[in-house]
Amino acid sequence: MALDLPPSYHRSTGLVDVLDRVLDKGLVIAGDIKVSLAEVELLTIRIRLLVCSLDKAQEIGLDWWRYDRELSPGARRDTIAEHDQLRAQIRELEQRVEALTPKKAPRRRR
């Protein structure tokens, strides 16, 4: 007596398809929480959740993680180097301004 069991891979294929579709197209969940007392709004919390692939996020312009110093290890080094260059340029400009500014003779008291 053979048991005819449905194959279990149908579920996983369905889940994979759903995940693939969500990551490809994206999924947005939005909600607002408002706390009011006597019709006076005391607090509003807006919650937005976007679930998509990194490629899709970059495509729609949501690649903030590339420029966040805490998330991008190379960005911190680049920022420090850029700051050092800017400081050097400021010093050079200050020296030029100082060289172009005429020196005032000290006043003599009578």
PDB file of N, CA and C in Angstrom:
ATOM      1  N   MET A   1       0.826  -1.162   0.000  1.00  0.00           N
ATOM      2  CA  MET A   1       0.000   0.000   0.000  1.00  0.00           C
ATOM      3  C   MET A   1       0.886   1.245   0.000  1.00  0.00           C
ATOM      4  N   ALA A   2       0.867   1.963  -1.054  1.00  0.00           N
ATOM      5  CA  ALA A   2       1.709   3.153  -1.204  1.00  0.00           C
ATOM      6  C   ALA A   2       0.934   4.394  -0.793  1.00  0.00           C
ATOM      7  N   LEU A   3       1.612   5.257  -0.077  1.00  0.00           N
ATOM      8  CA  LEU A   3       0.990   6.521   0.336  1.00  0.00           C
ATOM      9  C   LEU A   3       1.341   7.602  -0.681  1.00  0.00           C
ATOM     10  N   ASP A   4       0.341   8.264  -1.159  1.00  0.00           N
ATOM     11  CA  ASP A   4       0.592   9.358  -2.088  1.00  0.00           C
ATOM     12  C   ASP A   4       0.643  10.671  -1.301  1.00  0.00           C
ATOM     13  N   LEU A   5       1.855  11.097  -0.986  1.00  0.00           N
ATOM     14  CA  LEU A   5       2.032  12.344  -0.250  1.00  0.00           C
ATOM     15  C   LEU A   5       2.401  13.451  -1.242  1.00  0.00           C
ATOM     16  N   PRO A   6       1.827  14.591  -1.087  1.00  0.00           N
ATOM     17  CA  PRO A   6       2.208  15.679  -1.983  1.00  0.00           C
ATOM     18  C   PRO A   6       3.655  16.095  -1.707  1.00  0.00           C
ATOM     19  N   PRO A   7       4.369  16.414  -2.736  1.00  0.00           N
ATOM     20  CA  PRO A   7       5.756  16.827  -2.519  1.00  0.00           C
ATOM     21  C   PRO A   7       5.801  18.119  -1.703  1.00  0.00           C
ATOM     22  N   SER A   8       6.822  18.218  -0.830  1.00  0.00           N
ATOM     23  CA  SER A   8       6.920  19.364   0.081  1.00  0.00           C
ATOM     24  C   SER A   8       7.610  20.561  -0.576  1.00  0.00           C
ATOM     25  N   TYR A   9       8.182  20.378  -1.749  1.00  0.00           N
ATOM     26  CA  TYR A   9       8.916  21.474  -2.370  1.00  0.00           C
ATOM     27  C   TYR A   9       8.000  22.562  -2.922  1.00  0.00           C
ATOM     28  N   HIS A  10       6.717  22.312  -3.039  1.00  0.00           N
ATOM     29  CA  HIS A  10       5.785  23.328  -3.553  1.00  0.00           C
ATOM     30  C   HIS A  10       5.733  24.540  -2.629  1.00  0.00           C
ATOM     31  N   ARG A  11       5.741  24.282  -1.332  1.00  0.00           N
ATOM     32  CA  ARG A  11       5.717  25.394  -0.380  1.00  0.00           C
ATOM     33  C   ARG A  11       6.973  26.236  -0.479  1.00  0.00           C
ATOM     34  N   SER A  12       8.116  25.609  -0.480  1.00  0.00           N
ATOM     35  CA  SER A  12       9.358  26.374  -0.514  1.00  0.00           C
ATOM     36  C   SER A  12       9.489  27.135  -1.834  1.00  0.00           C
ATOM     37  N   THR A  13       9.052  26.556  -2.921  1.00  0.00           N
ATOM     38  CA  THR A  13       9.084  27.251  -4.200  1.00  0.00           C
ATOM     39  C   THR A  13       8.163  28.459  -4.159  1.00  0.00           C
ATOM     40  N   GLY A  14       6.994  28.309  -3.547  1.00  0.00           N
ATOM     41  CA  GLY A  14       6.071  29.431  -3.418  1.00  0.00           C
ATOM     42  C   GLY A  14       6.668  30.545  -2.579  1.00  0.00           C
ATOM     43  N   LEU A  15       7.321  30.194  -1.488  1.00  0.00           N
ATOM     44  CA  LEU A  15       7.953  31.182  -0.626  1.00  0.00           C
ATOM     45  C   LEU A  15       9.110  31.872  -1.343  1.00  0.00           C
ATOM     46  N   VAL A  16       9.897  31.115  -2.068  1.00  0.00           N
ATOM     47  CA  VAL A  16      11.006  31.679  -2.828  1.00  0.00           C
ATOM     48  C   VAL A  16      10.480  32.649  -3.879  1.00  0.00           C
ATOM     49  N   ASP A  17       9.396  32.265  -4.543  1.00  0.00           N
ATOM     50  CA  ASP A  17       8.796  33.159  -5.543  1.00  0.00           C
ATOM     51  C   ASP A  17       8.305  34.451  -4.916  1.00  0.00           C
ATOM     52  N   VAL A  18       7.656  34.333  -3.760  1.00  0.00           N
ATOM     53  CA  VAL A  18       7.150  35.533  -3.072  1.00  0.00           C
ATOM     54  C   VAL A  18       8.303  36.427  -2.647  1.00  0.00           C
ATOM     55  N   LEU A  19       9.341  35.846  -2.052  1.00  0.00           N
ATOM     56  CA  LEU A  19      10.510  36.635  -1.644  1.00  0.00           C
ATOM     57  C   LEU A  19      11.192  37.286  -2.836  1.00  0.00           C
ATOM     58  N   ASP A  20      11.318  36.538  -3.918  1.00  0.00           N
ATOM     59  CA  ASP A  20      11.931  37.084  -5.129  1.00  0.00           C
ATOM     60  C   ASP A  20      11.118  38.263  -5.656  1.00  0.00           C
ATOM     61  N   ARG A  21       9.845  38.121  -5.665  1.00  0.00           N
ATOM     62  CA  ARG A  21       8.971  39.194  -6.162  1.00  0.00           C
ATOM     63  C   ARG A  21       9.035  40.426  -5.252  1.00  0.00           C
ATOM     64  N   VAL A  22       9.024  40.201  -3.930  1.00  0.00           N
ATOM     65  CA  VAL A  22       9.088  41.318  -2.979  1.00  0.00           C
ATOM     66  C   VAL A  22      10.411  42.048  -3.101  1.00  0.00           C
ATOM     67  N   LEU A  23      11.501  41.287  -3.174  1.00  0.00           N
ATOM     68  CA  LEU A  23      12.809  41.929  -3.265  1.00  0.00           C
ATOM     69  C   LEU A  23      13.006  42.618  -4.607  1.00  0.00           C
ATOM     70  N   ASP A  24      12.404  42.081  -5.655  1.00  0.00           N
ATOM     71  CA  ASP A  24      12.538  42.687  -6.982  1.00  0.00           C
ATOM     72  C   ASP A  24      11.698  43.954  -7.104  1.00  0.00           C
ATOM     73  N   LYS A  25      10.451  43.884  -6.681  1.00  0.00           N
ATOM     74  CA  LYS A  25       9.536  45.020  -6.826  1.00  0.00           C
ATOM     75  C   LYS A  25       9.594  45.950  -5.628  1.00  0.00           C
ATOM     76  N   GLY A  26       9.779  45.399  -4.448  1.00  0.00           N
ATOM     77  CA  GLY A  26       9.768  46.181  -3.225  1.00  0.00           C
ATOM     78  C   GLY A  26       8.434  46.070  -2.518  1.00  0.00           C
ATOM     79  N   LEU A  27       8.462  46.317  -1.236  1.00  0.00           N
ATOM     80  CA  LEU A  27       7.266  46.255  -0.414  1.00  0.00           C
ATOM     81  C   LEU A  27       7.345  47.414   0.558  1.00  0.00           C
ATOM     82  N   VAL A  28       6.290  48.208   0.627  1.00  0.00           N
ATOM     83  CA  VAL A  28       6.261  49.354   1.524  1.00  0.00           C
ATOM     84  C   VAL A  28       5.153  49.143   2.543  1.00  0.00           C
ATOM     85  N   ILE A  29       5.517  49.321   3.805  1.00  0.00           N
ATOM     86  CA  ILE A  29       4.537  49.270   4.879  1.00  0.00           C
ATOM     87  C   ILE A  29       4.598  50.636   5.562  1.00  0.00           C
ATOM     88  N   ALA A  30       3.465  51.310   5.659  1.00  0.00           N
ATOM     89  CA  ALA A  30       3.419  52.648   6.239  1.00  0.00           C
ATOM     90  C   ALA A  30       2.357  52.694   7.323  1.00  0.00           C
ATOM     91  N   GLY A  31       2.635  53.469   8.353  1.00  0.00           N
ATOM     92  CA  GLY A  31       1.650  53.604   9.417  1.00  0.00           C
ATOM     93  C   GLY A  31       1.926  54.834  10.248  1.00  0.00           C
ATOM     94  N   ASP A  32       0.889  55.372  10.859  1.00  0.00           N
ATOM     95  CA  ASP A  32       1.003  56.525  11.738  1.00  0.00           C
ATOM     96  C   ASP A  32       0.405  56.157  13.084  1.00  0.00           C
ATOM     97  N   ILE A  33       1.062  56.602  14.134  1.00  0.00           N
ATOM     98  CA  ILE A  33       0.545  56.435  15.487  1.00  0.00           C
ATOM     99  C   ILE A  33       0.376  57.833  16.051  1.00  0.00           C
ATOM    100  N   LYS A  34      -0.828  58.154  16.471  1.00  0.00           N
ATOM    101  CA  LYS A  34      -1.098  59.475  17.037  1.00  0.00           C
ATOM    102  C   LYS A  34      -1.647  59.315  18.445  1.00  0.00           C
ATOM    103  N   VAL A  35      -1.099  60.090  19.361  1.00  0.00           N
ATOM    104  CA  VAL A  35      -1.569  60.086  20.736  1.00  0.00           C
ATOM    105  C   VAL A  35      -2.197  61.450  20.995  1.00  0.00           C
ATOM    106  N   SER A  36      -3.464  61.433  21.371  1.00  0.00           N
ATOM    107  CA  SER A  36      -4.185  62.683  21.612  1.00  0.00           C
ATOM    108  C   SER A  36      -4.860  62.623  22.973  1.00  0.00           C
ATOM    109  N   LEU A  37      -5.037  63.794  23.556  1.00  0.00           N
ATOM    110  CA  LEU A  37      -5.749  63.917  24.815  1.00  0.00           C
ATOM    111  C   LEU A  37      -6.683  65.108  24.694  1.00  0.00           C
ATOM    112  N   ALA A  38      -7.966  64.893  24.827  1.00  0.00           N
ATOM    113  CA  ALA A  38      -8.983  65.950  24.705  1.00  0.00           C
ATOM    114  C   ALA A  38      -8.850  66.661  23.366  1.00  0.00           C
ATOM    115  N   GLU A  39      -8.697  65.881  22.320  1.00  0.00           N
ATOM    116  CA  GLU A  39      -8.575  66.377  20.949  1.00  0.00           C
ATOM    117  C   GLU A  39      -7.349  67.264  20.714  1.00  0.00           C
ATOM    118  N   VAL A  40      -6.344  67.136  21.585  1.00  0.00           N
ATOM    119  CA  VAL A  40      -5.065  67.833  21.408  1.00  0.00           C
ATOM    120  C   VAL A  40      -4.024  66.769  21.101  1.00  0.00           C
ATOM    121  N   GLU A  41      -3.428  66.887  19.936  1.00  0.00           N
ATOM    122  CA  GLU A  41      -2.442  65.895  19.525  1.00  0.00           C
ATOM    123  C   GLU A  41      -1.147  66.112  20.309  1.00  0.00           C
ATOM    124  N   LEU A  42      -0.761  65.095  21.043  1.00  0.00           N
ATOM    125  CA  LEU A  42       0.435  65.186  21.877  1.00  0.00           C
ATOM    126  C   LEU A  42       1.667  64.593  21.207  1.00  0.00           C
ATOM    127  N   LEU A  43       1.460  63.549  20.441  1.00  0.00           N
ATOM    128  CA  LEU A  43       2.593  62.827  19.862  1.00  0.00           C
ATOM    129  C   LEU A  43       2.169  62.178  18.559  1.00  0.00           C
ATOM    130  N   THR A  44       3.027  62.286  17.556  1.00  0.00           N
ATOM    131  CA  THR A  44       2.805  61.593  16.291  1.00  0.00           C
ATOM    132  C   THR A  44       4.074  60.829  15.940  1.00  0.00           C
ATOM    133  N   ILE A  45       3.903  59.567  15.667  1.00  0.00           N
ATOM    134  CA  ILE A  45       5.030  58.729  15.240  1.00  0.00           C
ATOM    135  C   ILE A  45       4.691  58.196  13.866  1.00  0.00           C
ATOM    136  N   ARG A  46       5.561  58.457  12.908  1.00  0.00           N
ATOM    137  CA  ARG A  46       5.356  57.934  11.559  1.00  0.00           C
ATOM    138  C   ARG A  46       6.345  56.801  11.331  1.00  0.00           C
ATOM    139  N   ILE A  47       5.805  55.696  10.896  1.00  0.00           N
ATOM    140  CA  ILE A  47       6.636  54.516  10.657  1.00  0.00           C
ATOM    141  C   ILE A  47       6.547  54.158   9.177  1.00  0.00           C
ATOM    142  N   ARG A  48       7.688  54.042   8.534  1.00  0.00           N
ATOM    143  CA  ARG A  48       7.759  53.639   7.134  1.00  0.00           C
ATOM    144  C   ARG A  48       8.782  52.511   7.036  1.00  0.00           C
ATOM    145  N   LEU A  49       8.401  51.453   6.377  1.00  0.00           N
ATOM    146  CA  LEU A  49       9.283  50.307   6.206  1.00  0.00           C
ATOM    147  C   LEU A  49       9.315  49.952   4.729  1.00  0.00           C
ATOM    148  N   LEU A  50      10.502  49.872   4.185  1.00  0.00           N
ATOM    149  CA  LEU A  50      10.673  49.495   2.788  1.00  0.00           C
ATOM    150  C   LEU A  50      11.514  48.227   2.752  1.00  0.00           C
ATOM    151  N   VAL A  51      10.994  47.199   2.130  1.00  0.00           N
ATOM    152  CA  VAL A  51      11.719  45.944   1.987  1.00  0.00           C
ATOM    153  C   VAL A  51      11.962  45.742   0.498  1.00  0.00           C
ATOM    154  N   CYS A  52      13.242  45.730   0.117  1.00  0.00           N
ATOM    155  CA  CYS A  52      13.601  45.483  -1.279  1.00  0.00           C
ATOM    156  C   CYS A  52      15.066  45.068  -1.328  1.00  0.00           C
ATOM    157  N   SER A  53      15.522  44.700  -2.501  1.00  0.00           N
ATOM    158  CA  SER A  53      16.923  44.308  -2.658  1.00  0.00           C
ATOM    159  C   SER A  53      17.799  45.558  -2.692  1.00  0.00           C
ATOM    160  N   LEU A  54      19.091  45.377  -2.477  1.00  0.00           N
ATOM    161  CA  LEU A  54      20.019  46.507  -2.531  1.00  0.00           C
ATOM    162  C   LEU A  54      20.039  47.127  -3.928  1.00  0.00           C
ATOM    163  N   ASP A  55      19.968  46.296  -4.949  1.00  0.00           N
ATOM    164  CA  ASP A  55      19.957  46.813  -6.320  1.00  0.00           C
ATOM    165  C   ASP A  55      18.745  47.700  -6.553  1.00  0.00           C
ATOM    166  N   LYS A  56      17.590  47.266  -6.078  1.00  0.00           N
ATOM    167  CA  LYS A  56      16.364  48.044  -6.247  1.00  0.00           C
ATOM    168  C   LYS A  56      16.447  49.342  -5.441  1.00  0.00           C
ATOM    169  N   ALA A  57      16.992  49.278  -4.243  1.00  0.00           N
ATOM    170  CA  ALA A  57      17.141  50.478  -3.415  1.00  0.00           C
ATOM    171  C   ALA A  57      18.044  51.499  -4.103  1.00  0.00           C
ATOM    172  N   GLN A  58      19.141  51.039  -4.684  1.00  0.00           N
ATOM    173  CA  GLN A  58      20.033  51.951  -5.403  1.00  0.00           C
ATOM    174  C   GLN A  58      19.338  52.514  -6.632  1.00  0.00           C
ATOM    175  N   GLU A  59      18.550  51.701  -7.275  1.00  0.00           N
ATOM    176  CA  GLU A  59      17.837  52.139  -8.478  1.00  0.00           C
ATOM    177  C   GLU A  59      16.854  53.271  -8.170  1.00  0.00           C
ATOM    178  N   ILE A  60      16.207  53.210  -7.012  1.00  0.00           N
ATOM    179  CA  ILE A  60      15.238  54.250  -6.667  1.00  0.00           C
ATOM    180  C   ILE A  60      15.858  55.361  -5.820  1.00  0.00           C
ATOM    181  N   GLY A  61      17.178  55.322  -5.625  1.00  0.00           N
ATOM    182  CA  GLY A  61      17.877  56.416  -4.952  1.00  0.00           C
ATOM    183  C   GLY A  61      17.932  56.317  -3.445  1.00  0.00           C
ATOM    184  N   LEU A  62      17.727  55.143  -2.894  1.00  0.00           N
ATOM    185  CA  LEU A  62      17.794  54.973  -1.448  1.00  0.00           C
ATOM    186  C   LEU A  62      19.068  54.230  -1.049  1.00  0.00           C
ATOM    187  N   ASP A  63      20.200  54.769  -1.416  1.00  0.00           N
ATOM    188  CA  ASP A  63      21.476  54.128  -1.085  1.00  0.00           C
ATOM    189  C   ASP A  63      22.212  54.929  -0.007  1.00  0.00           C
ATOM    190  N   TRP A  64      21.498  55.284   1.053  1.00  0.00           N
ATOM    191  CA  TRP A  64      22.049  56.087   2.128  1.00  0.00           C
ATOM    192  C   TRP A  64      23.171  55.375   2.878  1.00  0.00           C
ATOM    193  N   TRP A  65      23.173  54.069   2.892  1.00  0.00           N
ATOM    194  CA  TRP A  65      24.197  53.327   3.625  1.00  0.00           C
ATOM    195  C   TRP A  65      25.585  53.524   3.022  1.00  0.00           C
ATOM    196  N   ARG A  66      25.660  53.935   1.767  1.00  0.00           N
ATOM    197  CA  ARG A  66      26.965  54.142   1.131  1.00  0.00           C
ATOM    198  C   ARG A  66      27.671  55.366   1.695  1.00  0.00           C
ATOM    199  N   TYR A  67      26.896  56.330   2.196  1.00  0.00           N
ATOM    200  CA  TYR A  67      27.465  57.598   2.644  1.00  0.00           C
ATOM    201  C   TYR A  67      27.416  57.774   4.156  1.00  0.00           C
ATOM    202  N   ASP A  68      26.924  56.798   4.858  1.00  0.00           N
ATOM    203  CA  ASP A  68      26.850  56.861   6.315  1.00  0.00           C
ATOM    204  C   ASP A  68      28.202  56.452   6.890  1.00  0.00           C
ATOM    205  N   ARG A  69      28.793  57.348   7.691  1.00  0.00           N
ATOM    206  CA  ARG A  69      30.123  57.076   8.240  1.00  0.00           C
ATOM    207  C   ARG A  69      30.146  55.844   9.130  1.00  0.00           C
ATOM    208  N   GLU A  70      29.066  55.592   9.833  1.00  0.00           N
ATOM    209  CA  GLU A  70      29.028  54.458  10.752  1.00  0.00           C
ATOM    210  C   GLU A  70      28.866  53.124  10.023  1.00  0.00           C
ATOM    211  N   LEU A  71      28.277  53.142   8.843  1.00  0.00           N
ATOM    212  CA  LEU A  71      28.017  51.899   8.121  1.00  0.00           C
ATOM    213  C   LEU A  71      29.039  51.604   7.035  1.00  0.00           C
ATOM    214  N   SER A  72      29.707  52.626   6.540  1.00  0.00           N
ATOM    215  CA  SER A  72      30.658  52.440   5.453  1.00  0.00           C
ATOM    216  C   SER A  72      32.073  52.656   5.984  1.00  0.00           C
ATOM    217  N   PRO A  73      32.863  51.589   6.140  1.00  0.00           N
ATOM    218  CA  PRO A  73      34.187  51.734   6.752  1.00  0.00           C
ATOM    219  C   PRO A  73      35.130  52.606   5.939  1.00  0.00           C
ATOM    220  N   GLY A  74      35.036  52.610   4.637  1.00  0.00           N
ATOM    221  CA  GLY A  74      35.927  53.421   3.818  1.00  0.00           C
ATOM    222  C   GLY A  74      35.581  54.897   3.845  1.00  0.00           C
ATOM    223  N   ALA A  75      34.330  55.217   4.100  1.00  0.00           N
ATOM    224  CA  ALA A  75      33.893  56.620   4.083  1.00  0.00           C
ATOM    225  C   ALA A  75      34.557  57.408   5.200  1.00  0.00           C
ATOM    226  N   ARG A  76      34.777  56.797   6.343  1.00  0.00           N
ATOM    227  CA  ARG A  76      35.399  57.509   7.466  1.00  0.00           C
ATOM    228  C   ARG A  76      36.824  57.911   7.117  1.00  0.00           C
ATOM    229  N   ARG A  77      37.581  57.000   6.524  1.00  0.00           N
ATOM    230  CA  ARG A  77      38.954  57.329   6.119  1.00  0.00           C
ATOM    231  C   ARG A  77      38.957  58.423   5.073  1.00  0.00           C
ATOM    232  N   ASP A  78      38.041  58.342   4.121  1.00  0.00           N
ATOM    233  CA  ASP A  78      37.952  59.363   3.080  1.00  0.00           C
ATOM    234  C   ASP A  78      37.610  60.716   3.676  1.00  0.00           C
ATOM    235  N   THR A  79      36.718  60.739   4.646  1.00  0.00           N
ATOM    236  CA  THR A  79      36.313  61.982   5.282  1.00  0.00           C
ATOM    237  C   THR A  79      37.478  62.598   6.034  1.00  0.00           C
ATOM    238  N   ILE A  80      38.231  61.802   6.749  1.00  0.00           N
ATOM    239  CA  ILE A  80      39.385  62.306   7.498  1.00  0.00           C
ATOM    240  C   ILE A  80      40.408  62.882   6.538  1.00  0.00           C
ATOM    241  N   ALA A  81      40.690  62.182   5.443  1.00  0.00           N
ATOM    242  CA  ALA A  81      41.646  62.680   4.454  1.00  0.00           C
ATOM    243  C   ALA A  81      41.152  63.980   3.833  1.00  0.00           C
ATOM    244  N   GLU A  82      39.843  64.051   3.555  1.00  0.00           N
ATOM    245  CA  GLU A  82      39.272  65.263   2.978  1.00  0.00           C
ATOM    246  C   GLU A  82      39.382  66.432   3.949  1.00  0.00           C
ATOM    247  N   HIS A  83      39.151  66.181   5.241  1.00  0.00           N
ATOM    248  CA  HIS A  83      39.265  67.227   6.250  1.00  0.00           C
ATOM    249  C   HIS A  83      40.705  67.729   6.346  1.00  0.00           C
ATOM    250  N   ASP A  84      41.658  66.816   6.284  1.00  0.00           N
ATOM    251  CA  ASP A  84      43.067  67.221   6.328  1.00  0.00           C
ATOM    252  C   ASP A  84      43.418  68.104   5.130  1.00  0.00           C
ATOM    253  N   GLN A  85      42.914  67.748   3.951  1.00  0.00           N
ATOM    254  CA  GLN A  85      43.167  68.571   2.759  1.00  0.00           C
ATOM    255  C   GLN A  85      42.547  69.952   2.907  1.00  0.00           C
ATOM    256  N   LEU A  86      41.350  70.006   3.423  1.00  0.00           N
ATOM    257  CA  LEU A  86      40.685  71.292   3.613  1.00  0.00           C
ATOM    258  C   LEU A  86      41.420  72.151   4.636  1.00  0.00           C
ATOM    259  N   ARG A  87      41.907  71.547   5.709  1.00  0.00           N
ATOM    260  CA  ARG A  87      42.681  72.304   6.700  1.00  0.00           C
ATOM    261  C   ARG A  87      43.950  72.872   6.086  1.00  0.00           C
ATOM    262  N   ALA A  88      44.618  72.083   5.254  1.00  0.00           N
ATOM    263  CA  ALA A  88      45.837  72.562   4.592  1.00  0.00           C
ATOM    264  C   ALA A  88      45.511  73.729   3.658  1.00  0.00           C
ATOM    265  N   GLN A  89      44.402  73.634   2.932  1.00  0.00           N
ATOM    266  CA  GLN A  89      44.005  74.742   2.052  1.00  0.00           C
ATOM    267  C   GLN A  89      43.675  75.995   2.853  1.00  0.00           C
ATOM    268  N   ILE A  90      43.029  75.840   3.983  1.00  0.00           N
ATOM    269  CA  ILE A  90      42.709  76.994   4.829  1.00  0.00           C
ATOM    270  C   ILE A  90      43.982  77.651   5.340  1.00  0.00           C
ATOM    271  N   ARG A  91      44.945  76.859   5.795  1.00  0.00           N
ATOM    272  CA  ARG A  91      46.224  77.420   6.261  1.00  0.00           C
ATOM    273  C   ARG A  91      46.920  78.189   5.154  1.00  0.00           C
ATOM    274  N   GLU A  92      46.923  77.612   3.948  1.00  0.00           N
ATOM    275  CA  GLU A  92      47.561  78.273   2.809  1.00  0.00           C
ATOM    276  C   GLU A  92      46.868  79.596   2.490  1.00  0.00           C
ATOM    277  N   LEU A  93      45.554  79.616   2.489  1.00  0.00           N
ATOM    278  CA  LEU A  93      44.810  80.842   2.212  1.00  0.00           C
ATOM    279  C   LEU A  93      45.033  81.889   3.298  1.00  0.00           C
ATOM    280  N   GLU A  94      45.108  81.451   4.548  1.00  0.00           N
ATOM    281  CA  GLU A  94      45.386  82.402   5.634  1.00  0.00           C
ATOM    282  C   GLU A  94      46.762  83.027   5.467  1.00  0.00           C
ATOM    283  N   GLN A  95      47.744  82.233   5.054  1.00  0.00           N
ATOM    284  CA  GLN A  95      49.088  82.764   4.837  1.00  0.00           C
ATOM    285  C   GLN A  95      49.101  83.768   3.688  1.00  0.00           C
ATOM    286  N   ARG A  96      48.359  83.481   2.635  1.00  0.00           N
ATOM    287  CA  ARG A  96      48.279  84.417   1.507  1.00  0.00           C
ATOM    288  C   ARG A  96      47.631  85.732   1.916  1.00  0.00           C
ATOM    289  N   VAL A  97      46.546  85.640   2.672  1.00  0.00           N
ATOM    290  CA  VAL A  97      45.861  86.854   3.136  1.00  0.00           C
ATOM    291  C   VAL A  97      46.780  87.652   4.039  1.00  0.00           C
ATOM    292  N   GLU A  98      47.489  86.979   4.910  1.00  0.00           N
ATOM    293  CA  GLU A  98      48.417  87.662   5.813  1.00  0.00           C
ATOM    294  C   GLU A  98      49.536  88.354   5.035  1.00  0.00           C
ATOM    295  N   ALA A  99      50.023  87.706   3.978  1.00  0.00           N
ATOM    296  CA  ALA A  99      51.095  88.310   3.170  1.00  0.00           C
ATOM    297  C   ALA A  99      50.573  89.527   2.403  1.00  0.00           C
ATOM    298  N   LEU A 100      49.323  89.548   2.015  1.00  0.00           N
ATOM    299  CA  LEU A 100      48.754  90.672   1.262  1.00  0.00           C
ATOM    300  C   LEU A 100      48.288  91.811   2.165  1.00  0.00           C
ATOM    301  N   THR A 101      48.074  91.532   3.430  1.00  0.00           N
ATOM    302  CA  THR A 101      47.601  92.554   4.357  1.00  0.00           C
ATOM    303  C   THR A 101      48.784  93.397   4.821  1.00  0.00           C
ATOM    304  N   PRO A 102      48.686  94.749   4.652  1.00  0.00           N
ATOM    305  CA  PRO A 102      49.802  95.599   5.101  1.00  0.00           C
ATOM    306  C   PRO A 102      49.897  95.591   6.627  1.00  0.00           C
ATOM    307  N   LYS A 103      51.119  95.594   7.086  1.00  0.00           N
ATOM    308  CA  LYS A 103      51.363  95.592   8.526  1.00  0.00           C
ATOM    309  C   LYS A 103      51.229  97.017   9.032  1.00  0.00           C
ATOM    310  N   LYS A 104      50.514  97.186  10.108  1.00  0.00           N
ATOM    311  CA  LYS A 104      50.369  98.497  10.709  1.00  0.00           C
ATOM    312  C   LYS A 104      51.506  98.711  11.700  1.00  0.00           C
ATOM    313  N   ALA A 105      52.033  99.924  11.657  1.00  0.00           N
ATOM    314  CA  ALA A 105      53.096 100.274  12.610  1.00  0.00           C
ATOM    315  C   ALA A 105      52.440 100.478  13.981  1.00  0.00           C
ATOM    316  N   PRO A 106      53.124 100.040  15.020  1.00  0.00           N
ATOM    317  CA  PRO A 106      52.540 100.218  16.350  1.00  0.00           C
ATOM    318  C   PRO A 106      52.436 101.704  16.697  1.00  0.00           C
ATOM    319  N   ARG A 107      51.372 102.117  17.351  1.00  0.00           N
ATOM    320  CA  ARG A 107      51.173 103.510  17.708  1.00  0.00           C
ATOM    321  C   ARG A 107      52.077 103.875  18.899  1.00  0.00           C
ATOM    322  N   ARG A 108      52.574 105.076  18.812  1.00  0.00           N
ATOM    323  CA  ARG A 108      53.393 105.572  19.931  1.00  0.00           C
ATOM    324  C   ARG A 108      52.527 106.432  20.812  1.00  0.00           C
ATOM    325  N   ARG A 109      52.704 106.278  22.066  1.00  0.00           N
ATOM    326  CA  ARG A 109      51.963 107.096  23.023  1.00  0.00           C
ATOM    327  C   ARG A 109      52.690 108.417  23.227  1.00  0.00           C
ATOM    328  N   ARG A 110      51.911 109.469  23.363  1.00  0.00           N
ATOM    329  CA  ARG A 110      52.495 110.790  23.582  1.00  0.00           C
ATOM    330  C   ARG A 110      52.662 111.074  25.023  1.00  0.00           C
TER     331      ARG A 110
END
